[in-house]
Amino acid sequence: MSLHVGLLPALPPGLALAPLASPPPSALPLASPTVSLLVRWLHVVAATVALGGAVLLWGVLRDSSVVDLDFDTDSTLTLATAYEWLFWVALGALVMTGVGNLGTYAPAIPGGSWAAAMTWKLAAVFLVLVGSAVRTLLVVRWRDGGASAPDRRRVLRVGYAATALALAGVVALAEVLAHG
């Protein structure tokens, strides 16, 4: 059977089109075990920074005796602003290394329950992104003036708690994906 499309000449008899095969992972320049390990290590470190920072700020905002913060000054917002910078750098690293990890397995991404868990994880990451964007915009707005100190403390406490819990869920789904 020959293939004839539009103005292209027909293929000679016996010649079939074969799908393009992707090169084996060992032929890819970034597929060395060392690079793969570094990408995974960066992914775990970035997740630790994002989740650990949210838990730390949640704890500080829950109990002011942990750290003597005067909520009438800018110390809370300074701490929150520093975390926001770290958070977005960590989240950028998580997305880049996550895409890199998926790219490594792209030809053989399993379906079934693994695909369902991955879908839930990506949905949770999307919710973390949206919620964190709102939280970051509030921090920026409050730096320029805005809500009273108790209101800031309460809203930030809830925001960082939600971030920590959502990221803990993402980490749990990552464990399911990695180890079944």
N, C-alpha and C. Protein backbone atom coordinates (compact mmCIF):
# COMPACT_ATOMS: atom_id res chain seq x y z
N MET A 1 0.85 -1.17 0.00
CA MET A 1 0.00 0.00 0.00
C MET A 1 0.89 1.23 0.00
N SER A 2 0.62 2.15 -0.87
CA SER A 2 1.45 3.35 -0.93
C SER A 2 0.68 4.54 -0.38
N LEU A 3 1.41 5.51 0.05
CA LEU A 3 0.84 6.72 0.63
C LEU A 3 0.92 7.83 -0.41
N HIS A 4 -0.20 8.47 -0.68
CA HIS A 4 -0.21 9.57 -1.63
C HIS A 4 -1.02 10.70 -1.02
N VAL A 5 -0.37 11.83 -0.76
CA VAL A 5 -1.04 12.96 -0.13
C VAL A 5 -0.91 14.17 -1.04
N GLY A 6 -2.03 14.69 -1.49
CA GLY A 6 -2.04 15.92 -2.28
C GLY A 6 -1.12 15.86 -3.47
N LEU A 7 -0.18 16.79 -3.54
CA LEU A 7 0.72 16.92 -4.68
C LEU A 7 2.00 16.11 -4.54
N LEU A 8 2.16 15.42 -3.42
CA LEU A 8 3.38 14.63 -3.22
C LEU A 8 3.32 13.37 -4.07
N PRO A 9 4.44 12.95 -4.61
CA PRO A 9 4.44 11.71 -5.39
C PRO A 9 4.21 10.52 -4.47
N ALA A 10 3.67 9.47 -5.03
CA ALA A 10 3.43 8.25 -4.26
C ALA A 10 4.76 7.61 -3.90
N LEU A 11 4.79 6.95 -2.75
CA LEU A 11 5.99 6.23 -2.34
C LEU A 11 6.14 4.98 -3.20
N PRO A 12 7.37 4.59 -3.48
CA PRO A 12 7.57 3.35 -4.24
C PRO A 12 6.97 2.17 -3.49
N PRO A 13 6.53 1.14 -4.22
CA PRO A 13 5.96 -0.04 -3.56
C PRO A 13 6.97 -0.65 -2.60
N GLY A 14 6.48 -1.10 -1.46
CA GLY A 14 7.35 -1.73 -0.47
C GLY A 14 7.99 -0.76 0.50
N LEU A 15 7.90 0.53 0.24
CA LEU A 15 8.50 1.52 1.14
C LEU A 15 7.39 2.08 2.02
N ALA A 16 7.54 1.92 3.30
CA ALA A 16 6.53 2.41 4.24
C ALA A 16 7.14 3.50 5.11
N LEU A 17 6.30 4.38 5.57
CA LEU A 17 6.76 5.41 6.49
C LEU A 17 6.81 4.83 7.90
N ALA A 18 7.92 4.98 8.52
CA ALA A 18 8.06 4.54 9.90
C ALA A 18 8.00 5.77 10.80
N PRO A 19 7.37 5.63 11.96
CA PRO A 19 7.35 6.78 12.87
C PRO A 19 8.77 7.12 13.31
N LEU A 20 8.99 8.38 13.56
CA LEU A 20 10.30 8.79 14.05
C LEU A 20 10.50 8.24 15.45
N ALA A 21 11.60 7.58 15.63
CA ALA A 21 11.90 7.02 16.95
C ALA A 21 12.70 8.04 17.74
N SER A 22 12.36 8.17 19.01
CA SER A 22 13.15 9.07 19.85
C SER A 22 14.45 8.37 20.21
N PRO A 23 15.50 9.15 20.39
CA PRO A 23 16.78 8.52 20.73
C PRO A 23 16.69 7.87 22.11
N PRO A 24 17.47 6.83 22.32
CA PRO A 24 17.45 6.22 23.65
C PRO A 24 17.90 7.23 24.70
N PRO A 25 17.40 7.12 25.94
CA PRO A 25 17.76 8.09 26.97
C PRO A 25 19.27 8.25 27.15
N SER A 26 20.03 7.19 26.94
CA SER A 26 21.47 7.30 27.11
C SER A 26 22.12 8.18 26.05
N ALA A 27 21.43 8.40 24.92
CA ALA A 27 22.00 9.23 23.86
C ALA A 27 21.73 10.71 24.08
N LEU A 28 20.83 11.02 24.99
CA LEU A 28 20.52 12.42 25.26
C LEU A 28 21.61 13.04 26.12
N PRO A 29 22.02 14.28 25.84
CA PRO A 29 23.14 14.87 26.58
C PRO A 29 22.85 15.10 28.06
N LEU A 30 21.60 15.31 28.43
CA LEU A 30 21.30 15.59 29.83
C LEU A 30 20.78 14.37 30.57
N ALA A 31 20.95 13.20 30.00
CA ALA A 31 20.40 11.99 30.60
C ALA A 31 21.44 11.21 31.40
N SER A 32 22.57 11.80 31.70
CA SER A 32 23.57 11.07 32.47
C SER A 32 23.05 10.88 33.89
N PRO A 33 23.48 9.83 34.56
CA PRO A 33 23.03 9.60 35.93
C PRO A 33 23.34 10.77 36.86
N THR A 34 24.47 11.42 36.65
CA THR A 34 24.84 12.55 37.51
C THR A 34 23.87 13.71 37.34
N VAL A 35 23.56 14.05 36.10
CA VAL A 35 22.63 15.16 35.85
C VAL A 35 21.24 14.80 36.37
N SER A 36 20.83 13.57 36.15
CA SER A 36 19.52 13.12 36.63
C SER A 36 19.45 13.23 38.15
N LEU A 37 20.51 12.83 38.82
CA LEU A 37 20.55 12.93 40.28
C LEU A 37 20.51 14.39 40.73
N LEU A 38 21.25 15.26 40.06
CA LEU A 38 21.25 16.67 40.42
C LEU A 38 19.87 17.31 40.21
N VAL A 39 19.19 16.94 39.14
CA VAL A 39 17.85 17.48 38.88
C VAL A 39 16.89 17.02 39.97
N ARG A 40 16.96 15.76 40.34
CA ARG A 40 16.07 15.27 41.41
C ARG A 40 16.42 15.90 42.74
N TRP A 41 17.71 16.07 43.00
CA TRP A 41 18.15 16.70 44.25
C TRP A 41 17.64 18.13 44.32
N LEU A 42 17.76 18.88 43.24
CA LEU A 42 17.26 20.26 43.20
C LEU A 42 15.74 20.28 43.41
N HIS A 43 15.04 19.32 42.85
CA HIS A 43 13.59 19.23 43.00
C HIS A 43 13.22 19.05 44.49
N VAL A 44 13.92 18.15 45.16
CA VAL A 44 13.65 17.89 46.58
C VAL A 44 14.03 19.10 47.44
N VAL A 45 15.15 19.73 47.16
CA VAL A 45 15.57 20.91 47.92
C VAL A 45 14.56 22.05 47.74
N ALA A 46 14.11 22.27 46.52
CA ALA A 46 13.13 23.33 46.26
C ALA A 46 11.82 23.05 46.99
N ALA A 47 11.38 21.80 47.00
CA ALA A 47 10.16 21.44 47.73
C ALA A 47 10.34 21.65 49.23
N THR A 48 11.52 21.35 49.73
CA THR A 48 11.81 21.55 51.14
C THR A 48 11.77 23.02 51.51
N VAL A 49 12.34 23.86 50.68
CA VAL A 49 12.33 25.32 50.93
C VAL A 49 10.90 25.84 50.92
N ALA A 50 10.13 25.47 49.91
CA ALA A 50 8.75 25.97 49.80
C ALA A 50 7.89 25.49 50.97
N LEU A 51 7.92 24.20 51.26
CA LEU A 51 7.09 23.65 52.33
C LEU A 51 7.62 24.06 53.70
N GLY A 52 8.92 23.97 53.90
CA GLY A 52 9.50 24.33 55.20
C GLY A 52 9.30 25.79 55.55
N GLY A 53 9.44 26.66 54.58
CA GLY A 53 9.22 28.09 54.83
C GLY A 53 7.79 28.40 55.19
N ALA A 54 6.84 27.75 54.51
CA ALA A 54 5.42 27.96 54.82
C ALA A 54 5.10 27.47 56.23
N VAL A 55 5.63 26.31 56.60
CA VAL A 55 5.40 25.78 57.95
C VAL A 55 6.03 26.71 58.99
N LEU A 56 7.23 27.19 58.73
CA LEU A 56 7.90 28.09 59.66
C LEU A 56 7.10 29.38 59.86
N LEU A 57 6.68 30.01 58.78
CA LEU A 57 5.89 31.24 58.91
C LEU A 57 4.54 30.99 59.56
N TRP A 58 3.92 29.89 59.25
CA TRP A 58 2.66 29.54 59.89
C TRP A 58 2.87 29.43 61.40
N GLY A 59 3.93 28.74 61.81
CA GLY A 59 4.22 28.60 63.24
C GLY A 59 4.52 29.92 63.91
N VAL A 60 5.30 30.75 63.27
CA VAL A 60 5.64 32.06 63.84
C VAL A 60 4.39 32.92 63.98
N LEU A 61 3.53 32.89 63.00
CA LEU A 61 2.32 33.71 63.04
C LEU A 61 1.26 33.15 63.99
N ARG A 62 1.33 31.86 64.28
CA ARG A 62 0.39 31.26 65.23
C ARG A 62 0.74 31.63 66.66
N ASP A 63 2.03 31.62 66.96
CA ASP A 63 2.47 31.82 68.34
C ASP A 63 3.55 32.90 68.36
N SER A 64 3.17 34.09 68.77
CA SER A 64 4.14 35.19 68.76
C SER A 64 5.22 35.03 69.82
N SER A 65 5.07 34.07 70.75
CA SER A 65 6.13 33.86 71.73
C SER A 65 7.32 33.12 71.12
N VAL A 66 7.12 32.49 69.95
CA VAL A 66 8.22 31.81 69.28
C VAL A 66 9.28 32.82 68.86
N VAL A 67 8.84 33.87 68.24
CA VAL A 67 9.71 34.96 67.82
C VAL A 67 9.03 36.25 68.24
N ASP A 68 9.78 37.12 68.85
CA ASP A 68 9.20 38.37 69.33
C ASP A 68 9.02 39.32 68.15
N LEU A 69 7.85 39.25 67.54
CA LEU A 69 7.54 40.12 66.41
C LEU A 69 6.54 41.17 66.85
N ASP A 70 6.85 42.39 66.58
CA ASP A 70 5.92 43.47 66.85
C ASP A 70 5.10 43.68 65.58
N PHE A 71 3.84 43.30 65.63
CA PHE A 71 3.02 43.34 64.42
C PHE A 71 2.59 44.75 64.04
N ASP A 72 3.01 45.73 64.82
CA ASP A 72 2.74 47.11 64.44
C ASP A 72 3.87 47.66 63.59
N THR A 73 4.95 46.91 63.46
CA THR A 73 6.07 47.35 62.63
C THR A 73 6.08 46.52 61.34
N ASP A 74 7.08 46.71 60.57
CA ASP A 74 7.18 46.01 59.29
C ASP A 74 7.90 44.67 59.39
N SER A 75 8.22 44.22 60.61
CA SER A 75 8.99 42.98 60.73
C SER A 75 8.25 41.77 60.15
N THR A 76 6.95 41.72 60.36
CA THR A 76 6.17 40.61 59.81
C THR A 76 6.20 40.63 58.30
N LEU A 77 5.99 41.79 57.75
CA LEU A 77 5.98 41.90 56.29
C LEU A 77 7.36 41.69 55.70
N THR A 78 8.40 42.06 56.43
CA THR A 78 9.77 41.81 55.97
C THR A 78 10.01 40.30 55.90
N LEU A 79 9.59 39.60 56.94
CA LEU A 79 9.73 38.14 56.97
C LEU A 79 8.89 37.50 55.85
N ALA A 80 7.67 37.97 55.70
CA ALA A 80 6.79 37.43 54.65
C ALA A 80 7.35 37.73 53.26
N THR A 81 7.88 38.93 53.07
CA THR A 81 8.44 39.30 51.77
C THR A 81 9.64 38.42 51.43
N ALA A 82 10.50 38.17 52.42
CA ALA A 82 11.66 37.31 52.19
C ALA A 82 11.21 35.90 51.79
N TYR A 83 10.20 35.39 52.49
CA TYR A 83 9.70 34.06 52.13
C TYR A 83 9.09 34.06 50.73
N GLU A 84 8.35 35.10 50.39
CA GLU A 84 7.72 35.14 49.07
C GLU A 84 8.77 35.03 47.96
N TRP A 85 9.88 35.76 48.13
CA TRP A 85 10.96 35.65 47.14
C TRP A 85 11.48 34.23 47.07
N LEU A 86 11.79 33.63 48.22
CA LEU A 86 12.29 32.26 48.24
C LEU A 86 11.26 31.29 47.66
N PHE A 87 10.01 31.50 48.01
CA PHE A 87 8.95 30.61 47.55
C PHE A 87 8.87 30.59 46.03
N TRP A 88 8.86 31.77 45.40
CA TRP A 88 8.70 31.80 43.95
C TRP A 88 9.93 31.28 43.23
N VAL A 89 11.11 31.49 43.79
CA VAL A 89 12.32 30.89 43.21
C VAL A 89 12.23 29.36 43.32
N ALA A 90 11.82 28.89 44.51
CA ALA A 90 11.69 27.44 44.72
C ALA A 90 10.62 26.85 43.81
N LEU A 91 9.50 27.54 43.66
CA LEU A 91 8.44 27.03 42.80
C LEU A 91 8.87 27.00 41.34
N GLY A 92 9.62 28.00 40.91
CA GLY A 92 10.17 27.98 39.56
C GLY A 92 11.09 26.79 39.35
N ALA A 93 11.94 26.53 40.34
CA ALA A 93 12.83 25.37 40.25
C ALA A 93 12.03 24.07 40.25
N LEU A 94 10.97 24.01 41.05
CA LEU A 94 10.13 22.81 41.08
C LEU A 94 9.48 22.55 39.73
N VAL A 95 8.96 23.59 39.12
CA VAL A 95 8.31 23.41 37.82
C VAL A 95 9.33 22.98 36.77
N MET A 96 10.48 23.66 36.74
CA MET A 96 11.50 23.31 35.73
C MET A 96 12.02 21.88 35.92
N THR A 97 12.34 21.52 37.15
CA THR A 97 12.87 20.17 37.38
C THR A 97 11.78 19.12 37.23
N GLY A 98 10.54 19.48 37.56
CA GLY A 98 9.43 18.55 37.37
C GLY A 98 9.19 18.25 35.91
N VAL A 99 9.23 19.29 35.09
CA VAL A 99 9.10 19.10 33.64
C VAL A 99 10.28 18.28 33.12
N GLY A 100 11.47 18.55 33.63
CA GLY A 100 12.65 17.77 33.23
C GLY A 100 12.51 16.31 33.61
N ASN A 101 12.01 16.06 34.81
CA ASN A 101 11.80 14.67 35.23
C ASN A 101 10.75 13.98 34.36
N LEU A 102 9.68 14.68 34.05
CA LEU A 102 8.66 14.10 33.16
C LEU A 102 9.22 13.85 31.77
N GLY A 103 10.05 14.77 31.29
CA GLY A 103 10.65 14.61 29.97
C GLY A 103 11.54 13.39 29.89
N THR A 104 12.17 13.05 31.00
CA THR A 104 13.02 11.87 31.04
C THR A 104 12.20 10.61 30.80
N TYR A 105 10.98 10.61 31.32
CA TYR A 105 10.13 9.42 31.21
C TYR A 105 9.06 9.55 30.15
N ALA A 106 9.04 10.65 29.40
CA ALA A 106 7.95 10.95 28.47
C ALA A 106 7.57 9.79 27.55
N PRO A 107 8.53 9.09 26.94
CA PRO A 107 8.09 8.02 26.04
C PRO A 107 7.34 6.90 26.76
N ALA A 108 7.53 6.77 28.06
CA ALA A 108 6.95 5.63 28.77
C ALA A 108 6.13 6.07 29.99
N ILE A 109 5.43 7.19 29.90
CA ILE A 109 4.61 7.63 31.02
C ILE A 109 3.44 6.65 31.15
N PRO A 110 3.30 6.03 32.32
CA PRO A 110 2.23 5.05 32.48
C PRO A 110 0.85 5.71 32.57
N GLY A 111 -0.16 4.93 32.33
CA GLY A 111 -1.53 5.39 32.46
C GLY A 111 -2.12 4.88 33.76
N GLY A 112 -3.42 4.72 33.80
CA GLY A 112 -4.09 4.14 34.95
C GLY A 112 -4.02 5.00 36.20
N SER A 113 -3.78 4.33 37.33
CA SER A 113 -3.77 5.04 38.62
C SER A 113 -2.60 6.03 38.72
N TRP A 114 -1.48 5.71 38.06
CA TRP A 114 -0.35 6.65 38.08
C TRP A 114 -0.74 7.95 37.40
N ALA A 115 -1.38 7.85 36.25
CA ALA A 115 -1.82 9.05 35.53
C ALA A 115 -2.85 9.83 36.33
N ALA A 116 -3.73 9.13 37.04
CA ALA A 116 -4.72 9.80 37.88
C ALA A 116 -4.04 10.56 39.01
N ALA A 117 -3.05 9.92 39.65
CA ALA A 117 -2.31 10.59 40.73
C ALA A 117 -1.56 11.80 40.19
N MET A 118 -0.99 11.68 39.00
CA MET A 118 -0.27 12.81 38.39
C MET A 118 -1.23 13.95 38.08
N THR A 119 -2.41 13.63 37.62
CA THR A 119 -3.42 14.66 37.34
C THR A 119 -3.80 15.39 38.62
N TRP A 120 -4.01 14.64 39.70
CA TRP A 120 -4.32 15.28 40.99
C TRP A 120 -3.17 16.15 41.46
N LYS A 121 -1.95 15.67 41.27
CA LYS A 121 -0.78 16.45 41.70
C LYS A 121 -0.70 17.75 40.91
N LEU A 122 -0.87 17.69 39.60
CA LEU A 122 -0.80 18.90 38.79
C LEU A 122 -1.93 19.87 39.13
N ALA A 123 -3.11 19.34 39.44
CA ALA A 123 -4.23 20.20 39.87
C ALA A 123 -3.90 20.87 41.19
N ALA A 124 -3.30 20.12 42.11
CA ALA A 124 -2.92 20.70 43.41
C ALA A 124 -1.83 21.76 43.23
N VAL A 125 -0.88 21.51 42.35
CA VAL A 125 0.16 22.51 42.07
C VAL A 125 -0.47 23.77 41.49
N PHE A 126 -1.44 23.62 40.60
CA PHE A 126 -2.13 24.78 40.03
C PHE A 126 -2.83 25.58 41.14
N LEU A 127 -3.50 24.89 42.06
CA LEU A 127 -4.17 25.58 43.17
C LEU A 127 -3.16 26.29 44.07
N VAL A 128 -2.02 25.66 44.31
CA VAL A 128 -0.96 26.31 45.10
C VAL A 128 -0.49 27.57 44.38
N LEU A 129 -0.31 27.49 43.07
CA LEU A 129 0.11 28.67 42.30
C LEU A 129 -0.89 29.81 42.41
N VAL A 130 -2.16 29.51 42.24
CA VAL A 130 -3.20 30.55 42.30
C VAL A 130 -3.29 31.14 43.70
N GLY A 131 -3.36 30.27 44.71
CA GLY A 131 -3.44 30.75 46.09
C GLY A 131 -2.21 31.54 46.50
N SER A 132 -1.06 31.11 46.06
CA SER A 132 0.18 31.81 46.40
C SER A 132 0.29 33.15 45.70
N ALA A 133 -0.24 33.23 44.50
CA ALA A 133 -0.24 34.52 43.81
C ALA A 133 -1.09 35.53 44.58
N VAL A 134 -2.23 35.08 45.07
CA VAL A 134 -3.09 35.96 45.88
C VAL A 134 -2.37 36.37 47.15
N ARG A 135 -1.76 35.40 47.83
CA ARG A 135 -1.02 35.68 49.07
C ARG A 135 0.11 36.67 48.82
N THR A 136 0.87 36.47 47.76
CA THR A 136 1.98 37.37 47.44
C THR A 136 1.48 38.77 47.14
N LEU A 137 0.39 38.88 46.39
CA LEU A 137 -0.17 40.20 46.09
C LEU A 137 -0.63 40.91 47.36
N LEU A 138 -1.17 40.16 48.32
CA LEU A 138 -1.56 40.77 49.60
C LEU A 138 -0.34 41.29 50.35
N VAL A 139 0.73 40.51 50.37
CA VAL A 139 1.95 40.94 51.06
C VAL A 139 2.48 42.22 50.42
N VAL A 140 2.52 42.26 49.10
CA VAL A 140 3.00 43.46 48.40
C VAL A 140 2.10 44.65 48.70
N ARG A 141 0.80 44.43 48.67
CA ARG A 141 -0.14 45.52 48.94
C ARG A 141 0.02 46.05 50.37
N TRP A 142 0.19 45.14 51.32
CA TRP A 142 0.32 45.56 52.72
C TRP A 142 1.64 46.24 53.00
N ARG A 143 2.66 45.92 52.23
CA ARG A 143 3.93 46.63 52.40
C ARG A 143 3.75 48.11 52.11
N ASP A 144 2.86 48.41 51.19
CA ASP A 144 2.61 49.80 50.82
C ASP A 144 1.54 50.44 51.70
N GLY A 145 1.12 49.78 52.73
CA GLY A 145 0.05 50.27 53.62
C GLY A 145 -1.19 49.45 53.36
N GLY A 146 -2.05 49.38 54.36
CA GLY A 146 -3.26 48.59 54.15
C GLY A 146 -3.85 48.14 55.45
N ALA A 147 -4.10 46.87 55.56
CA ALA A 147 -4.81 46.30 56.70
C ALA A 147 -4.07 46.53 58.00
N SER A 148 -4.83 46.47 59.09
CA SER A 148 -4.22 46.63 60.41
C SER A 148 -3.39 45.39 60.74
N ALA A 149 -2.52 45.53 61.73
CA ALA A 149 -1.60 44.46 62.08
C ALA A 149 -2.31 43.16 62.45
N PRO A 150 -3.36 43.18 63.30
CA PRO A 150 -4.03 41.91 63.62
C PRO A 150 -4.67 41.25 62.39
N ASP A 151 -5.22 42.06 61.49
CA ASP A 151 -5.81 41.50 60.27
C ASP A 151 -4.74 40.86 59.40
N ARG A 152 -3.60 41.53 59.27
CA ARG A 152 -2.49 40.97 58.48
C ARG A 152 -2.05 39.64 59.07
N ARG A 153 -1.89 39.64 60.38
CA ARG A 153 -1.41 38.43 61.05
C ARG A 153 -2.37 37.27 60.80
N ARG A 154 -3.65 37.51 60.96
CA ARG A 154 -4.65 36.45 60.79
C ARG A 154 -4.68 35.95 59.34
N VAL A 155 -4.71 36.86 58.40
CA VAL A 155 -4.79 36.47 56.98
C VAL A 155 -3.51 35.74 56.56
N LEU A 156 -2.36 36.25 56.97
CA LEU A 156 -1.10 35.58 56.61
C LEU A 156 -1.00 34.21 57.27
N ARG A 157 -1.46 34.11 58.52
CA ARG A 157 -1.44 32.82 59.21
C ARG A 157 -2.26 31.79 58.43
N VAL A 158 -3.46 32.17 58.01
CA VAL A 158 -4.31 31.27 57.23
C VAL A 158 -3.68 30.99 55.86
N GLY A 159 -3.11 32.01 55.24
CA GLY A 159 -2.49 31.82 53.93
C GLY A 159 -1.31 30.87 53.96
N TYR A 160 -0.45 31.02 54.97
CA TYR A 160 0.70 30.13 55.06
C TYR A 160 0.29 28.73 55.51
N ALA A 161 -0.75 28.63 56.34
CA ALA A 161 -1.27 27.31 56.71
C ALA A 161 -1.81 26.59 55.48
N ALA A 162 -2.59 27.30 54.67
CA ALA A 162 -3.14 26.70 53.46
C ALA A 162 -2.02 26.28 52.50
N THR A 163 -1.00 27.12 52.38
CA THR A 163 0.13 26.79 51.51
C THR A 163 0.84 25.54 52.02
N ALA A 164 1.09 25.49 53.33
CA ALA A 164 1.79 24.34 53.91
C ALA A 164 0.98 23.06 53.72
N LEU A 165 -0.31 23.12 53.98
CA LEU A 165 -1.15 21.92 53.84
C LEU A 165 -1.26 21.48 52.38
N ALA A 166 -1.41 22.43 51.48
CA ALA A 166 -1.49 22.08 50.05
C ALA A 166 -0.17 21.48 49.56
N LEU A 167 0.94 22.08 49.97
CA LEU A 167 2.24 21.54 49.56
C LEU A 167 2.50 20.17 50.18
N ALA A 168 2.03 19.95 51.41
CA ALA A 168 2.16 18.63 52.02
C ALA A 168 1.37 17.60 51.21
N GLY A 169 0.20 17.99 50.71
CA GLY A 169 -0.57 17.11 49.84
C GLY A 169 0.15 16.81 48.54
N VAL A 170 0.79 17.82 47.97
CA VAL A 170 1.56 17.63 46.74
C VAL A 170 2.73 16.67 47.00
N VAL A 171 3.39 16.83 48.14
CA VAL A 171 4.51 15.94 48.48
C VAL A 171 4.00 14.51 48.67
N ALA A 172 2.84 14.35 49.30
CA ALA A 172 2.27 13.01 49.48
C ALA A 172 1.97 12.38 48.12
N LEU A 173 1.41 13.16 47.21
CA LEU A 173 1.16 12.63 45.86
C LEU A 173 2.46 12.31 45.14
N ALA A 174 3.50 13.10 45.38
CA ALA A 174 4.81 12.82 44.77
C ALA A 174 5.35 11.48 45.27
N GLU A 175 5.14 11.19 46.55
CA GLU A 175 5.58 9.90 47.09
C GLU A 175 4.81 8.75 46.45
N VAL A 176 3.51 8.94 46.26
CA VAL A 176 2.70 7.91 45.59
C VAL A 176 3.22 7.68 44.18
N LEU A 177 3.53 8.77 43.47
CA LEU A 177 4.02 8.64 42.10
C LEU A 177 5.39 7.97 42.05
N ALA A 178 6.24 8.31 43.00
CA ALA A 178 7.61 7.78 42.97
C ALA A 178 7.69 6.34 43.46
N HIS A 179 6.88 6.01 44.45
CA HIS A 179 7.05 4.70 45.10
C HIS A 179 5.81 3.82 45.06
N GLY A 180 4.76 4.29 44.42
CA GLY A 180 3.55 3.48 44.28
C GLY A 180 2.70 3.52 45.44
